C-alpha atoms as a PDB file:
ATOM      1  CA  MET A   1      71.565-165.874 -88.224  1.00  0.00           C
ATOM      2  CA  LYS A   2      74.948-164.579 -89.367  1.00  0.00           C
ATOM      3  CA  VAL A   3      78.168-164.457 -87.312  1.00  0.00           C
ATOM      4  CA  VAL A   4      80.184-161.248 -87.417  1.00  0.00           C
ATOM      5  CA  VAL A   5      83.540-161.093 -85.624  1.00  0.00           C
ATOM      6  CA  ASP A   6      85.485-157.938 -84.848  1.00  0.00           C
ATOM      7  CA  TYR A   7      88.978-159.369 -85.275  1.00  0.00           C
ATOM      8  CA  ASP A   8      90.508-156.211 -83.783  1.00  0.00           C
ATOM      9  CA  LEU A   9      88.795-157.062 -80.478  1.00  0.00           C
ATOM     10  CA  CYS A  10      89.140-160.858 -80.646  1.00  0.00           C
ATOM     11  CA  GLU A  11      91.778-162.369 -78.347  1.00  0.00           C
ATOM     12  CA  ALA A  12      91.199-165.930 -79.614  1.00  0.00           C
ATOM     13  CA  ASN A  13      90.805-167.198 -76.046  1.00  0.00           C
ATOM     14  CA  ALA A  14      88.644-170.109 -77.290  1.00  0.00           C
ATOM     15  CA  ILE A  15      85.626-169.528 -75.069  1.00  0.00           C
ATOM     16  CA  CYS A  16      83.480-169.371 -78.203  1.00  0.00           C
ATOM     17  CA  MET A  17      84.985-172.613 -79.457  1.00  0.00           C
ATOM     18  CA  GLN A  18      84.179-174.307 -76.158  1.00  0.00           C
ATOM     19  CA  GLN A  19      80.527-173.204 -76.441  1.00  0.00           C
ATOM     20  CA  ALA A  20      80.030-173.809 -80.174  1.00  0.00           C
ATOM     21  CA  PRO A  21      82.814-175.905 -81.716  1.00  0.00           C
ATOM     22  CA  GLU A  22      80.673-176.428 -84.813  1.00  0.00           C
ATOM     23  CA  VAL A  23      80.771-172.672 -85.446  1.00  0.00           C
ATOM     24  CA  PHE A  24      84.156-171.458 -84.129  1.00  0.00           C
ATOM     25  CA  ARG A  25      87.706-172.813 -84.174  1.00  0.00           C
ATOM     26  CA  VAL A  26      90.855-171.274 -82.730  1.00  0.00           C
ATOM     27  CA  GLU A  27      93.862-172.152 -84.827  1.00  0.00           C
ATOM     28  CA  GLU A  28      97.337-173.070 -83.583  1.00  0.00           C
ATOM     29  CA  ASP A  29      98.545-169.559 -84.454  1.00  0.00           C
ATOM     30  CA  ASP A  30      95.886-168.089 -82.093  1.00  0.00           C
ATOM     31  CA  THR A  31      93.562-166.817 -84.797  1.00  0.00           C
ATOM     32  CA  LEU A  32      89.817-167.387 -84.862  1.00  0.00           C
ATOM     33  CA  THR A  33      88.170-169.122 -87.776  1.00  0.00           C
ATOM     34  CA  VAL A  34      84.401-168.954 -88.219  1.00  0.00           C
ATOM     35  CA  LEU A  35      83.397-172.358 -89.598  1.00  0.00           C
ATOM     36  CA  LEU A  36      79.744-171.414 -90.250  1.00  0.00           C
ATOM     37  CA  GLU A  37      79.039-167.766 -91.028  1.00  0.00           C
ATOM     38  CA  ASP A  38      75.346-168.577 -91.420  1.00  0.00           C
ATOM     39  CA  VAL A  39      74.382-170.471 -88.295  1.00  0.00           C
ATOM     40  CA  PRO A  40      71.651-173.106 -88.777  1.00  0.00           C
ATOM     41  CA  ALA A  41      68.703-173.141 -86.387  1.00  0.00           C
ATOM     42  CA  ASP A  42      69.933-176.132 -84.431  1.00  0.00           C
ATOM     43  CA  LEU A  43      73.187-174.332 -83.482  1.00  0.00           C
ATOM     44  CA  GLN A  44      71.818-170.867 -82.804  1.00  0.00           C
ATOM     45  CA  GLU A  45      71.493-171.394 -79.057  1.00  0.00           C
ATOM     46  CA  LYS A  46      75.147-172.408 -78.819  1.00  0.00           C
ATOM     47  CA  ALA A  47      76.189-169.431 -80.966  1.00  0.00           C
ATOM     48  CA  ARG A  48      74.218-167.042 -78.752  1.00  0.00           C
ATOM     49  CA  GLU A  49      75.934-168.428 -75.680  1.00  0.00           C
ATOM     50  CA  ALA A  50      79.335-167.956 -77.350  1.00  0.00           C
ATOM     51  CA  GLU A  51      78.382-164.356 -78.143  1.00  0.00           C
ATOM     52  CA  ARG A  52      77.249-163.757 -74.562  1.00  0.00           C
ATOM     53  CA  LEU A  53      80.401-165.244 -73.011  1.00  0.00           C
ATOM     54  CA  CYS A  54      82.946-163.522 -75.264  1.00  0.00           C
ATOM     55  CA  PRO A  55      85.050-161.462 -72.847  1.00  0.00           C
ATOM     56  CA  ARG A  56      85.886-158.825 -75.465  1.00  0.00           C
ATOM     57  CA  GLN A  57      82.409-158.784 -77.011  1.00  0.00           C
ATOM     58  CA  ALA A  58      84.030-159.440 -80.377  1.00  0.00           C
ATOM     59  CA  ILE A  59      81.201-161.718 -81.590  1.00  0.00           C
ATOM     60  CA  LYS A  60      77.923-160.349 -82.891  1.00  0.00           C
ATOM     61  CA  LEU A  61      75.017-162.362 -84.244  1.00  0.00           C
ATOM     62  CA  GLU A  62      72.804-160.685 -86.826  1.00  0.00           C
ATOM     63  CA  GLY A  63      69.444-161.775 -88.101  1.00  0.00           C
END
């Protein structure tokens, strides 16, 4: 499963980081960093929850 972020939509509000800190990190300058573009099976549930809770729907999971 691959993480795709639309950075034009992303507000870096850290909801994704709260759900899946192994996958997402919001930097001090309020930018989002994807730590794992290819999400391993054991983190996919967390990544799906981060995608679902993103208020701007900026996160998409493919595959």
